[in-house]
Amino acid sequence: MADSYATKQFIETFYKIKNTQIIPYVFTFNPMNGHKIFDPLNIKIAFFGYISKRKGVDRSIEFCRLLKKEGIDFVFDIYGNGPVNLYKEKIKKAGLENVVYIKNTLPLHLVMEKMQCYDFLLQLNNHEGMALAVVEAMNCGLVPIVTPVGEIKRYSKDGMNAILLDEEYDDNLHALVEKVKNVLANPSIYEKISSSAARTFINYKKYSEVLINVIESYL
């Protein structure tokens, strides 16, 4: 079983397995209700996951350094575990200790509640499956700033329900900053992307529904 088409391809290629079943990590979320208040002069960004280079945290720190250089006011909160002291040093070295903070990992049942406090989800990794944090954030109306990897590239579209970092990733961080600046200069664009993100998974079959169908297919 796989959580996404991207994971299915990897499993079948690496392990030489055929007919892997996809059971996407889309659960019974409550999509954002009503209008999301957005203040482009004081933006709030978050990351939820393991703190590592593999998860794109180093790239996200560099992106934040470029944001600050452009005079953009923001806070970036990192929720996760990992080599915290190492990343606190990276944040300090980048001159971001007053805007980038590492927070404790949250219990899973509190993640979406906390997401409601933010405007953007920042996740700039090289590899991904379904990307549960991105799915949850979109359901909360957050605008994901992400790399189009794994299943993300199948359910997100740049400028429609997400802001995508173009390949080659590290070479295009400046261009990503310009995309974000355009959204901040036009709050109506943010509102459209946020609303579209919140509607992305409305018609998706949920994890439990697909799992039951897969089990029944083997009976």
N, C-alpha and C. Protein backbone atom coordinates (compact mmCIF):
# COMPACT_ATOMS: atom_id res chain seq x y z
N MET A 1 0.83 -1.18 0.00
CA MET A 1 0.00 0.00 0.00
C MET A 1 0.88 1.25 0.00
N ALA A 2 0.40 2.32 -0.62
CA ALA A 2 1.14 3.57 -0.70
C ALA A 2 0.22 4.73 -0.40
N ASP A 3 0.82 5.84 0.08
CA ASP A 3 0.01 7.00 0.44
C ASP A 3 -0.26 7.91 -0.75
N SER A 4 0.39 7.63 -1.90
CA SER A 4 0.26 8.51 -3.05
C SER A 4 0.78 7.82 -4.30
N TYR A 5 0.49 8.43 -5.44
CA TYR A 5 1.00 7.89 -6.71
C TYR A 5 2.52 7.94 -6.74
N ALA A 6 3.09 9.02 -6.17
CA ALA A 6 4.55 9.16 -6.14
C ALA A 6 5.19 8.03 -5.34
N THR A 7 4.61 7.70 -4.19
CA THR A 7 5.13 6.61 -3.36
C THR A 7 4.93 5.27 -4.05
N LYS A 8 3.81 5.10 -4.72
CA LYS A 8 3.53 3.87 -5.47
C LYS A 8 4.62 3.62 -6.52
N GLN A 9 4.98 4.67 -7.26
CA GLN A 9 6.01 4.53 -8.28
C GLN A 9 7.34 4.11 -7.66
N PHE A 10 7.69 4.72 -6.52
CA PHE A 10 8.96 4.40 -5.86
C PHE A 10 8.97 2.96 -5.39
N ILE A 11 7.90 2.54 -4.70
CA ILE A 11 7.82 1.18 -4.16
C ILE A 11 7.92 0.15 -5.28
N GLU A 12 7.17 0.36 -6.34
CA GLU A 12 7.14 -0.63 -7.43
C GLU A 12 8.46 -0.69 -8.18
N THR A 13 9.17 0.45 -8.26
CA THR A 13 10.46 0.47 -8.93
C THR A 13 11.56 -0.11 -8.05
N PHE A 14 11.59 0.31 -6.79
CA PHE A 14 12.67 -0.09 -5.88
C PHE A 14 12.54 -1.54 -5.43
N TYR A 15 11.30 -1.95 -5.10
CA TYR A 15 11.10 -3.29 -4.56
C TYR A 15 10.58 -4.28 -5.60
N LYS A 16 10.40 -3.83 -6.84
CA LYS A 16 9.92 -4.69 -7.93
C LYS A 16 8.57 -5.30 -7.60
N ILE A 17 7.69 -4.49 -7.00
CA ILE A 17 6.36 -4.93 -6.64
C ILE A 17 5.36 -4.38 -7.64
N LYS A 18 4.35 -5.17 -7.98
CA LYS A 18 3.33 -4.73 -8.92
C LYS A 18 1.99 -4.56 -8.20
N ASN A 19 1.14 -3.72 -8.79
CA ASN A 19 -0.24 -3.52 -8.31
C ASN A 19 -0.33 -2.99 -6.88
N THR A 20 0.57 -2.08 -6.53
CA THR A 20 0.49 -1.44 -5.22
C THR A 20 -0.78 -0.60 -5.13
N GLN A 21 -1.49 -0.73 -4.03
CA GLN A 21 -2.73 0.01 -3.84
C GLN A 21 -2.44 1.38 -3.20
N ILE A 22 -3.08 2.42 -3.71
CA ILE A 22 -2.92 3.76 -3.14
C ILE A 22 -4.04 4.04 -2.13
N ILE A 23 -3.63 4.36 -0.91
CA ILE A 23 -4.59 4.80 0.12
C ILE A 23 -4.11 6.16 0.58
N PRO A 24 -4.60 7.23 -0.01
CA PRO A 24 -4.08 8.57 0.26
C PRO A 24 -4.33 9.03 1.68
N TYR A 25 -3.38 9.79 2.21
CA TYR A 25 -3.52 10.35 3.56
C TYR A 25 -4.43 11.58 3.52
N VAL A 26 -5.67 11.35 3.16
CA VAL A 26 -6.68 12.40 3.20
C VAL A 26 -7.74 11.93 4.17
N PHE A 27 -7.86 12.61 5.29
CA PHE A 27 -8.76 12.18 6.35
C PHE A 27 -10.00 13.06 6.38
N THR A 28 -10.85 12.86 7.36
CA THR A 28 -12.08 13.64 7.46
C THR A 28 -11.77 14.95 8.17
N PHE A 29 -11.35 15.93 7.37
CA PHE A 29 -11.04 17.23 7.90
C PHE A 29 -12.26 18.12 7.84
N ASN A 30 -12.25 19.17 8.62
CA ASN A 30 -13.27 20.20 8.52
C ASN A 30 -12.66 21.38 7.79
N PRO A 31 -13.00 21.58 6.51
CA PRO A 31 -12.41 22.67 5.75
C PRO A 31 -12.68 24.02 6.41
N MET A 32 -11.84 24.98 6.09
CA MET A 32 -11.99 26.32 6.63
C MET A 32 -13.39 26.85 6.37
N ASN A 33 -13.97 27.45 7.38
CA ASN A 33 -15.28 28.06 7.24
C ASN A 33 -15.16 29.57 7.31
N GLY A 34 -15.84 30.26 6.41
CA GLY A 34 -15.86 31.72 6.45
C GLY A 34 -14.61 32.34 5.87
N HIS A 35 -14.46 33.63 6.11
CA HIS A 35 -13.39 34.43 5.53
C HIS A 35 -12.17 34.41 6.43
N LYS A 36 -11.00 34.15 5.84
CA LYS A 36 -9.76 34.13 6.60
C LYS A 36 -9.17 35.54 6.62
N ILE A 37 -8.92 36.06 7.82
CA ILE A 37 -8.34 37.40 7.96
C ILE A 37 -6.85 37.34 7.63
N PHE A 38 -6.41 38.25 6.75
CA PHE A 38 -5.02 38.24 6.30
C PHE A 38 -4.45 39.65 6.39
N ASP A 39 -3.34 39.79 7.12
CA ASP A 39 -2.66 41.07 7.26
C ASP A 39 -1.31 40.98 6.55
N PRO A 40 -1.19 41.54 5.33
CA PRO A 40 0.06 41.42 4.58
C PRO A 40 1.25 42.14 5.21
N LEU A 41 0.99 42.97 6.21
CA LEU A 41 2.07 43.69 6.89
C LEU A 41 2.62 42.92 8.08
N ASN A 42 2.01 41.79 8.39
CA ASN A 42 2.44 41.00 9.55
C ASN A 42 2.09 39.54 9.28
N ILE A 43 2.87 38.90 8.42
CA ILE A 43 2.51 37.55 7.99
C ILE A 43 3.08 36.50 8.93
N LYS A 44 2.36 35.41 9.02
CA LYS A 44 2.70 34.32 9.93
C LYS A 44 2.87 33.03 9.12
N ILE A 45 4.04 32.43 9.25
CA ILE A 45 4.42 31.26 8.46
C ILE A 45 4.74 30.11 9.42
N ALA A 46 4.43 28.89 9.02
CA ALA A 46 4.71 27.74 9.89
C ALA A 46 5.23 26.55 9.11
N PHE A 47 5.93 25.69 9.83
CA PHE A 47 6.38 24.39 9.32
C PHE A 47 6.05 23.35 10.38
N PHE A 48 5.57 22.19 9.96
CA PHE A 48 5.26 21.09 10.88
C PHE A 48 5.94 19.83 10.36
N GLY A 49 6.88 19.29 11.13
CA GLY A 49 7.54 18.08 10.68
C GLY A 49 8.90 17.93 11.32
N TYR A 50 9.67 16.94 10.84
CA TYR A 50 11.00 16.70 11.38
C TYR A 50 11.94 17.79 10.89
N ILE A 51 12.76 18.31 11.79
CA ILE A 51 13.66 19.42 11.46
C ILE A 51 14.95 18.85 10.88
N SER A 52 15.11 18.96 9.57
CA SER A 52 16.30 18.42 8.92
C SER A 52 16.46 19.04 7.54
N LYS A 53 17.63 18.88 6.98
CA LYS A 53 17.89 19.35 5.61
C LYS A 53 17.02 18.59 4.63
N ARG A 54 16.81 17.29 4.89
CA ARG A 54 15.99 16.45 4.00
C ARG A 54 14.56 17.00 3.91
N LYS A 55 14.07 17.59 4.98
CA LYS A 55 12.72 18.17 4.98
C LYS A 55 12.71 19.62 4.50
N GLY A 56 13.86 20.09 4.03
CA GLY A 56 13.92 21.42 3.43
C GLY A 56 14.03 22.56 4.41
N VAL A 57 14.36 22.27 5.68
CA VAL A 57 14.40 23.34 6.68
C VAL A 57 15.56 24.30 6.40
N ASP A 58 16.71 23.78 5.94
CA ASP A 58 17.83 24.66 5.60
C ASP A 58 17.43 25.62 4.48
N ARG A 59 16.75 25.11 3.50
CA ARG A 59 16.30 25.95 2.37
C ARG A 59 15.26 26.96 2.84
N SER A 60 14.41 26.55 3.75
CA SER A 60 13.40 27.47 4.28
C SER A 60 14.04 28.60 5.07
N ILE A 61 15.11 28.30 5.80
CA ILE A 61 15.83 29.33 6.54
C ILE A 61 16.45 30.34 5.58
N GLU A 62 17.03 29.84 4.49
CA GLU A 62 17.59 30.74 3.49
C GLU A 62 16.51 31.59 2.84
N PHE A 63 15.38 30.99 2.56
CA PHE A 63 14.25 31.74 2.00
C PHE A 63 13.83 32.85 2.96
N CYS A 64 13.78 32.55 4.24
CA CYS A 64 13.42 33.57 5.24
C CYS A 64 14.46 34.67 5.32
N ARG A 65 15.72 34.32 5.15
CA ARG A 65 16.77 35.34 5.13
C ARG A 65 16.54 36.32 3.98
N LEU A 66 16.14 35.79 2.84
CA LEU A 66 15.87 36.64 1.68
C LEU A 66 14.62 37.49 1.89
N LEU A 67 13.62 36.91 2.55
CA LEU A 67 12.41 37.69 2.87
C LEU A 67 12.77 38.88 3.75
N LYS A 68 13.56 38.61 4.78
CA LYS A 68 13.94 39.68 5.71
C LYS A 68 14.76 40.74 4.99
N LYS A 69 15.62 40.31 4.09
CA LYS A 69 16.45 41.24 3.32
C LYS A 69 15.59 42.19 2.50
N GLU A 70 14.41 41.71 2.08
CA GLU A 70 13.49 42.53 1.29
C GLU A 70 12.63 43.43 2.17
N GLY A 71 12.83 43.37 3.49
CA GLY A 71 12.09 44.22 4.40
C GLY A 71 10.69 43.73 4.71
N ILE A 72 10.43 42.45 4.47
CA ILE A 72 9.11 41.89 4.74
C ILE A 72 9.01 41.49 6.21
N ASP A 73 7.96 41.93 6.87
CA ASP A 73 7.73 41.58 8.27
C ASP A 73 7.02 40.23 8.36
N PHE A 74 7.62 39.30 9.06
CA PHE A 74 7.04 37.96 9.17
C PHE A 74 7.55 37.29 10.43
N VAL A 75 6.86 36.22 10.79
CA VAL A 75 7.32 35.28 11.82
C VAL A 75 7.22 33.88 11.22
N PHE A 76 8.26 33.09 11.40
CA PHE A 76 8.27 31.71 10.92
C PHE A 76 8.46 30.80 12.12
N ASP A 77 7.43 30.03 12.45
CA ASP A 77 7.48 29.09 13.56
C ASP A 77 7.67 27.67 13.04
N ILE A 78 8.66 26.99 13.57
CA ILE A 78 8.99 25.62 13.17
C ILE A 78 8.55 24.68 14.29
N TYR A 79 7.57 23.83 14.01
CA TYR A 79 7.08 22.85 14.99
C TYR A 79 7.66 21.48 14.63
N GLY A 80 8.52 20.96 15.47
CA GLY A 80 9.07 19.65 15.17
C GLY A 80 10.21 19.29 16.09
N ASN A 81 10.71 18.08 15.91
CA ASN A 81 11.86 17.64 16.68
C ASN A 81 13.02 17.37 15.74
N GLY A 82 14.16 17.05 16.32
CA GLY A 82 15.36 16.85 15.52
C GLY A 82 16.54 17.54 16.20
N PRO A 83 17.59 17.84 15.44
CA PRO A 83 18.77 18.52 16.02
C PRO A 83 18.49 20.00 16.26
N VAL A 84 17.70 20.28 17.29
CA VAL A 84 17.20 21.63 17.55
C VAL A 84 18.34 22.63 17.75
N ASN A 85 19.34 22.28 18.57
CA ASN A 85 20.43 23.21 18.85
C ASN A 85 21.21 23.56 17.58
N LEU A 86 21.41 22.57 16.72
CA LEU A 86 22.10 22.81 15.46
C LEU A 86 21.33 23.84 14.62
N TYR A 87 20.00 23.68 14.57
CA TYR A 87 19.21 24.60 13.75
C TYR A 87 19.02 25.95 14.40
N LYS A 88 19.09 26.02 15.71
CA LYS A 88 19.08 27.32 16.36
C LYS A 88 20.33 28.10 15.99
N GLU A 89 21.45 27.40 15.86
CA GLU A 89 22.69 28.05 15.45
C GLU A 89 22.59 28.52 13.99
N LYS A 90 21.99 27.70 13.13
CA LYS A 90 21.81 28.10 11.73
C LYS A 90 20.93 29.35 11.64
N ILE A 91 19.89 29.38 12.45
CA ILE A 91 18.97 30.52 12.46
C ILE A 91 19.71 31.78 12.95
N LYS A 92 20.51 31.62 13.99
CA LYS A 92 21.27 32.76 14.52
C LYS A 92 22.29 33.25 13.50
N LYS A 93 22.96 32.32 12.84
CA LYS A 93 23.97 32.68 11.83
C LYS A 93 23.34 33.45 10.68
N ALA A 94 22.08 33.13 10.36
CA ALA A 94 21.38 33.82 9.28
C ALA A 94 20.79 35.15 9.74
N GLY A 95 20.94 35.48 11.03
CA GLY A 95 20.42 36.73 11.56
C GLY A 95 18.91 36.74 11.70
N LEU A 96 18.35 35.56 11.99
CA LEU A 96 16.89 35.41 12.01
C LEU A 96 16.34 35.05 13.39
N GLU A 97 17.18 35.17 14.43
CA GLU A 97 16.74 34.70 15.74
C GLU A 97 15.54 35.47 16.29
N ASN A 98 15.24 36.64 15.73
CA ASN A 98 14.08 37.41 16.19
C ASN A 98 12.83 37.20 15.36
N VAL A 99 12.93 36.37 14.33
CA VAL A 99 11.76 36.12 13.47
C VAL A 99 11.50 34.63 13.20
N VAL A 100 12.49 33.79 13.43
CA VAL A 100 12.34 32.35 13.21
C VAL A 100 12.50 31.64 14.55
N TYR A 101 11.50 30.85 14.91
CA TYR A 101 11.48 30.21 16.22
C TYR A 101 11.21 28.71 16.08
N ILE A 102 11.92 27.91 16.86
CA ILE A 102 11.66 26.48 16.91
C ILE A 102 10.76 26.19 18.11
N LYS A 103 9.62 25.59 17.83
CA LYS A 103 8.63 25.28 18.85
C LYS A 103 8.61 23.77 19.11
N ASN A 104 7.99 23.38 20.21
CA ASN A 104 7.85 21.96 20.52
C ASN A 104 6.91 21.27 19.53
N THR A 105 7.14 19.99 19.32
CA THR A 105 6.24 19.20 18.49
C THR A 105 4.86 19.16 19.13
N LEU A 106 3.83 19.27 18.29
CA LEU A 106 2.46 19.25 18.78
C LEU A 106 1.86 17.86 18.67
N PRO A 107 0.96 17.49 19.59
CA PRO A 107 0.19 16.26 19.40
C PRO A 107 -0.61 16.37 18.10
N LEU A 108 -0.77 15.27 17.41
CA LEU A 108 -1.41 15.30 16.09
C LEU A 108 -2.80 15.93 16.12
N HIS A 109 -3.54 15.70 17.21
CA HIS A 109 -4.91 16.21 17.24
C HIS A 109 -4.97 17.72 17.44
N LEU A 110 -3.82 18.34 17.73
CA LEU A 110 -3.79 19.79 17.92
C LEU A 110 -3.18 20.54 16.73
N VAL A 111 -2.65 19.80 15.77
CA VAL A 111 -1.93 20.43 14.67
C VAL A 111 -2.84 21.36 13.85
N MET A 112 -4.00 20.86 13.43
CA MET A 112 -4.86 21.69 12.59
C MET A 112 -5.41 22.89 13.34
N GLU A 113 -5.63 22.73 14.63
CA GLU A 113 -6.08 23.87 15.44
C GLU A 113 -5.01 24.97 15.43
N LYS A 114 -3.75 24.57 15.59
CA LYS A 114 -2.65 25.54 15.59
C LYS A 114 -2.46 26.14 14.20
N MET A 115 -2.69 25.36 13.17
CA MET A 115 -2.53 25.88 11.80
C MET A 115 -3.43 27.08 11.53
N GLN A 116 -4.57 27.11 12.20
CA GLN A 116 -5.51 28.21 11.99
C GLN A 116 -4.91 29.57 12.32
N CYS A 117 -3.80 29.57 13.07
CA CYS A 117 -3.17 30.83 13.50
C CYS A 117 -2.22 31.40 12.44
N TYR A 118 -2.04 30.69 11.33
CA TYR A 118 -1.02 31.08 10.36
C TYR A 118 -1.61 31.42 9.00
N ASP A 119 -0.78 32.07 8.18
CA ASP A 119 -1.19 32.45 6.83
C ASP A 119 -0.61 31.52 5.77
N PHE A 120 0.63 31.08 6.00
CA PHE A 120 1.35 30.26 5.02
C PHE A 120 1.94 29.03 5.70
N LEU A 121 2.02 27.94 4.93
CA LEU A 121 2.82 26.78 5.32
C LEU A 121 4.05 26.80 4.42
N LEU A 122 5.23 26.65 5.01
CA LEU A 122 6.48 26.65 4.25
C LEU A 122 7.11 25.28 4.33
N GLN A 123 7.25 24.61 3.18
CA GLN A 123 7.84 23.27 3.15
C GLN A 123 8.56 23.11 1.81
N LEU A 124 9.90 23.17 1.85
CA LEU A 124 10.69 23.25 0.62
C LEU A 124 11.64 22.06 0.46
N ASN A 125 11.14 20.86 0.69
CA ASN A 125 11.98 19.67 0.60
C ASN A 125 12.08 19.14 -0.83
N ASN A 126 13.05 18.23 -1.03
CA ASN A 126 13.31 17.66 -2.36
C ASN A 126 12.45 16.45 -2.67
N HIS A 127 11.99 15.75 -1.63
CA HIS A 127 11.25 14.51 -1.83
C HIS A 127 10.04 14.48 -0.89
N GLU A 128 8.97 13.86 -1.35
CA GLU A 128 7.76 13.81 -0.53
C GLU A 128 6.83 12.73 -1.07
N GLY A 129 5.94 12.26 -0.19
CA GLY A 129 4.87 11.36 -0.61
C GLY A 129 3.60 12.20 -0.77
N MET A 130 2.61 11.93 0.07
CA MET A 130 1.36 12.68 0.02
C MET A 130 1.52 14.06 0.65
N ALA A 131 2.43 14.19 1.63
CA ALA A 131 2.67 15.45 2.37
C ALA A 131 1.46 15.81 3.21
N LEU A 132 1.24 15.05 4.27
CA LEU A 132 0.07 15.24 5.13
C LEU A 132 -0.03 16.65 5.68
N ALA A 133 1.10 17.24 6.10
CA ALA A 133 1.06 18.60 6.66
C ALA A 133 0.54 19.60 5.63
N VAL A 134 0.90 19.40 4.37
CA VAL A 134 0.44 20.30 3.31
C VAL A 134 -1.07 20.13 3.11
N VAL A 135 -1.53 18.89 3.11
CA VAL A 135 -2.97 18.61 2.96
C VAL A 135 -3.74 19.27 4.10
N GLU A 136 -3.27 19.09 5.33
CA GLU A 136 -3.95 19.66 6.49
C GLU A 136 -3.97 21.19 6.42
N ALA A 137 -2.83 21.77 6.05
CA ALA A 137 -2.74 23.22 5.98
C ALA A 137 -3.68 23.79 4.93
N MET A 138 -3.76 23.13 3.79
CA MET A 138 -4.65 23.61 2.73
C MET A 138 -6.10 23.55 3.18
N ASN A 139 -6.46 22.51 3.91
CA ASN A 139 -7.82 22.41 4.43
C ASN A 139 -8.12 23.54 5.41
N CYS A 140 -7.08 24.07 6.06
CA CYS A 140 -7.25 25.19 6.98
C CYS A 140 -7.22 26.54 6.26
N GLY A 141 -7.02 26.52 4.96
CA GLY A 141 -6.98 27.76 4.21
C GLY A 141 -5.63 28.43 4.17
N LEU A 142 -4.58 27.76 4.69
CA LEU A 142 -3.24 28.31 4.57
C LEU A 142 -2.79 28.21 3.11
N VAL A 143 -2.00 29.16 2.68
CA VAL A 143 -1.41 29.09 1.35
C VAL A 143 -0.07 28.36 1.47
N PRO A 144 0.08 27.21 0.83
CA PRO A 144 1.34 26.48 0.93
C PRO A 144 2.40 27.07 0.01
N ILE A 145 3.57 27.30 0.58
CA ILE A 145 4.75 27.68 -0.21
C ILE A 145 5.61 26.44 -0.25
N VAL A 146 5.62 25.75 -1.38
CA VAL A 146 6.16 24.39 -1.41
C VAL A 146 6.92 24.10 -2.70
N THR A 147 7.69 23.04 -2.65
CA THR A 147 8.31 22.48 -3.84
C THR A 147 7.33 21.48 -4.45
N PRO A 148 7.22 21.44 -5.78
CA PRO A 148 6.29 20.52 -6.43
C PRO A 148 6.86 19.11 -6.52
N VAL A 149 6.95 18.44 -5.38
CA VAL A 149 7.53 17.10 -5.32
C VAL A 149 6.49 16.11 -4.84
N GLY A 150 6.72 14.83 -5.14
CA GLY A 150 5.78 13.80 -4.71
C GLY A 150 4.38 14.08 -5.20
N GLU A 151 3.41 13.85 -4.34
CA GLU A 151 2.02 14.05 -4.72
C GLU A 151 1.64 15.53 -4.74
N ILE A 152 2.46 16.39 -4.15
CA ILE A 152 2.16 17.82 -4.12
C ILE A 152 1.96 18.36 -5.53
N LYS A 153 2.79 17.90 -6.47
CA LYS A 153 2.69 18.42 -7.83
C LYS A 153 1.42 17.96 -8.54
N ARG A 154 0.73 16.97 -7.97
CA ARG A 154 -0.51 16.49 -8.58
C ARG A 154 -1.74 17.22 -8.03
N TYR A 155 -1.65 17.77 -6.81
CA TYR A 155 -2.83 18.43 -6.26
C TYR A 155 -2.65 19.94 -6.06
N SER A 156 -1.50 20.47 -6.43
CA SER A 156 -1.29 21.92 -6.31
C SER A 156 -0.98 22.54 -7.66
N LYS A 157 -1.36 23.79 -7.81
CA LYS A 157 -1.08 24.53 -9.03
C LYS A 157 -0.63 25.93 -8.65
N ASP A 158 0.49 26.32 -9.21
CA ASP A 158 1.10 27.59 -8.86
C ASP A 158 0.17 28.77 -9.13
N GLY A 159 -0.03 29.58 -8.10
CA GLY A 159 -0.87 30.76 -8.23
C GLY A 159 -2.35 30.48 -8.14
N MET A 160 -2.72 29.21 -8.06
CA MET A 160 -4.13 28.83 -7.96
C MET A 160 -4.48 28.41 -6.52
N ASN A 161 -3.78 27.39 -6.02
CA ASN A 161 -4.02 26.97 -4.64
C ASN A 161 -2.71 26.80 -3.87
N ALA A 162 -1.62 27.30 -4.45
CA ALA A 162 -0.30 27.18 -3.83
C ALA A 162 0.66 28.18 -4.48
N ILE A 163 1.80 28.37 -3.81
CA ILE A 163 2.91 29.11 -4.40
C ILE A 163 4.06 28.13 -4.51
N LEU A 164 4.50 27.84 -5.72
CA LEU A 164 5.49 26.80 -5.95
C LEU A 164 6.88 27.36 -6.21
N LEU A 165 7.87 26.69 -5.62
CA LEU A 165 9.27 27.01 -5.89
C LEU A 165 9.68 26.27 -7.15
N ASP A 166 10.13 27.00 -8.15
CA ASP A 166 10.50 26.41 -9.43
C ASP A 166 11.84 25.69 -9.35
N GLU A 167 12.00 24.66 -10.16
CA GLU A 167 13.30 24.01 -10.29
C GLU A 167 14.23 24.95 -11.08
N GLU A 168 15.49 24.96 -10.88
CA GLU A 168 16.27 24.33 -9.83
C GLU A 168 16.00 25.07 -8.52
N TYR A 169 15.69 24.35 -7.48
CA TYR A 169 15.12 24.94 -6.28
C TYR A 169 16.00 26.02 -5.65
N ASP A 170 17.25 25.70 -5.34
CA ASP A 170 18.11 26.66 -4.64
C ASP A 170 18.41 27.89 -5.48
N ASP A 171 18.40 27.72 -6.78
CA ASP A 171 18.67 28.85 -7.68
C ASP A 171 17.47 29.76 -7.87
N ASN A 172 16.30 29.34 -7.42
CA ASN A 172 15.08 30.09 -7.67
C ASN A 172 14.43 30.64 -6.40
N LEU A 173 15.19 30.68 -5.31
CA LEU A 173 14.63 31.23 -4.07
C LEU A 173 14.30 32.71 -4.20
N HIS A 174 15.15 33.45 -4.95
CA HIS A 174 14.86 34.87 -5.17
C HIS A 174 13.54 35.04 -5.93
N ALA A 175 13.32 34.17 -6.92
CA ALA A 175 12.08 34.24 -7.69
C ALA A 175 10.88 33.89 -6.82
N LEU A 176 11.07 32.98 -5.87
CA LEU A 176 9.99 32.63 -4.95
C LEU A 176 9.65 33.81 -4.05
N VAL A 177 10.67 34.53 -3.61
CA VAL A 177 10.43 35.74 -2.82
C VAL A 177 9.59 36.74 -3.61
N GLU A 178 9.87 36.89 -4.90
CA GLU A 178 9.10 37.81 -5.74
C GLU A 178 7.65 37.36 -5.87
N LYS A 179 7.42 36.05 -5.94
CA LYS A 179 6.05 35.54 -5.99
C LYS A 179 5.29 35.92 -4.71
N VAL A 180 5.96 35.73 -3.58
CA VAL A 180 5.33 36.04 -2.30
C VAL A 180 5.08 37.54 -2.19
N LYS A 181 6.04 38.35 -2.61
CA LYS A 181 5.86 39.80 -2.58
C LYS A 181 4.65 40.23 -3.41
N ASN A 182 4.44 39.59 -4.54
CA ASN A 182 3.28 39.91 -5.38
C ASN A 182 1.98 39.61 -4.65
N VAL A 183 1.95 38.51 -3.92
CA VAL A 183 0.75 38.15 -3.15
C VAL A 183 0.53 39.14 -2.02
N LEU A 184 1.61 39.54 -1.35
CA LEU A 184 1.49 40.48 -0.25
C LEU A 184 1.03 41.86 -0.73
N ALA A 185 1.41 42.20 -1.94
CA ALA A 185 1.01 43.49 -2.51
C ALA A 185 -0.43 43.49 -3.00
N ASN A 186 -0.99 42.29 -3.14
CA ASN A 186 -2.36 42.15 -3.64
C ASN A 186 -3.12 41.16 -2.77
N PRO A 187 -3.62 41.60 -1.61
CA PRO A 187 -4.30 40.70 -0.68
C PRO A 187 -5.44 39.91 -1.31
N SER A 188 -6.06 40.44 -2.35
CA SER A 188 -7.14 39.70 -3.01
C SER A 188 -6.61 38.41 -3.64
N ILE A 189 -5.35 38.43 -4.06
CA ILE A 189 -4.73 37.21 -4.61
C ILE A 189 -4.58 36.18 -3.51
N TYR A 190 -4.12 36.63 -2.34
CA TYR A 190 -4.01 35.70 -1.21
C TYR A 190 -5.36 35.07 -0.91
N GLU A 191 -6.39 35.87 -0.86
CA GLU A 191 -7.73 35.37 -0.52
C GLU A 191 -8.20 34.32 -1.52
N LYS A 192 -7.92 34.55 -2.80
CA LYS A 192 -8.32 33.58 -3.82
C LYS A 192 -7.55 32.27 -3.69
N ILE A 193 -6.23 32.38 -3.46
CA ILE A 193 -5.42 31.17 -3.31
C ILE A 193 -5.82 30.41 -2.06
N SER A 194 -6.05 31.15 -0.98
CA SER A 194 -6.46 30.53 0.29
C SER A 194 -7.78 29.79 0.14
N SER A 195 -8.75 30.42 -0.47
CA SER A 195 -10.06 29.80 -0.66
C SER A 195 -9.97 28.57 -1.54
N SER A 196 -9.16 28.67 -2.60
CA SER A 196 -8.97 27.54 -3.50
C SER A 196 -8.27 26.38 -2.80
N ALA A 197 -7.27 26.71 -1.96
CA ALA A 197 -6.56 25.67 -1.20
C ALA A 197 -7.52 24.92 -0.29
N ALA A 198 -8.42 25.66 0.37
CA ALA A 198 -9.37 25.04 1.31
C ALA A 198 -10.35 24.12 0.61
N ARG A 199 -10.55 24.32 -0.69
CA ARG A 199 -11.50 23.48 -1.44
C ARG A 199 -10.84 22.31 -2.16
N THR A 200 -9.52 22.23 -2.11
CA THR A 200 -8.78 21.27 -2.92
C THR A 200 -9.23 19.83 -2.72
N PHE A 201 -9.46 19.42 -1.47
CA PHE A 201 -9.70 18.00 -1.18
C PHE A 201 -11.17 17.66 -0.89
N ILE A 202 -12.05 18.59 -1.20
CA ILE A 202 -13.47 18.37 -0.91
C ILE A 202 -14.00 17.11 -1.58
N ASN A 203 -13.59 16.85 -2.81
CA ASN A 203 -14.12 15.72 -3.56
C ASN A 203 -13.21 14.49 -3.52
N TYR A 204 -12.15 14.54 -2.73
CA TYR A 204 -11.27 13.38 -2.60
C TYR A 204 -11.93 12.32 -1.72
N LYS A 205 -11.72 11.05 -2.07
CA LYS A 205 -12.14 9.98 -1.18
C LYS A 205 -11.21 9.95 0.02
N LYS A 206 -11.78 9.75 1.19
CA LYS A 206 -11.01 9.78 2.43
C LYS A 206 -10.29 8.45 2.67
N TYR A 207 -9.28 8.50 3.53
CA TYR A 207 -8.44 7.34 3.84
C TYR A 207 -9.28 6.13 4.23
N SER A 208 -10.24 6.32 5.13
CA SER A 208 -11.05 5.20 5.62
C SER A 208 -11.88 4.58 4.50
N GLU A 209 -12.41 5.42 3.60
CA GLU A 209 -13.23 4.92 2.50
C GLU A 209 -12.41 4.06 1.54
N VAL A 210 -11.22 4.56 1.19
CA VAL A 210 -10.37 3.82 0.27
C VAL A 210 -9.86 2.54 0.91
N LEU A 211 -9.48 2.61 2.19
CA LEU A 211 -8.98 1.43 2.90
C LEU A 211 -10.04 0.34 2.93
N ILE A 212 -11.27 0.69 3.22
CA ILE A 212 -12.36 -0.31 3.23
C ILE A 212 -12.54 -0.93 1.85
N ASN A 213 -12.46 -0.11 0.80
CA ASN A 213 -12.60 -0.62 -0.56
C ASN A 213 -11.48 -1.59 -0.92
N VAL A 214 -10.28 -1.25 -0.50
CA VAL A 214 -9.12 -2.12 -0.79
C VAL A 214 -9.26 -3.44 -0.06
N ILE A 215 -9.65 -3.40 1.21
CA ILE A 215 -9.82 -4.64 2.00
C ILE A 215 -10.91 -5.51 1.37
N GLU A 216 -12.02 -4.88 1.00
CA GLU A 216 -13.12 -5.64 0.39
C GLU A 216 -12.71 -6.28 -0.93
N SER A 217 -11.79 -5.64 -1.65
CA SER A 217 -11.36 -6.18 -2.95
C SER A 217 -10.58 -7.48 -2.80
N TYR A 218 -10.06 -7.74 -1.57
CA TYR A 218 -9.29 -8.95 -1.33
C TYR A 218 -10.15 -10.06 -0.70
N LEU A 219 -11.39 -9.75 -0.39
CA LEU A 219 -12.27 -10.74 0.25
C LEU A 219 -12.93 -11.64 -0.78
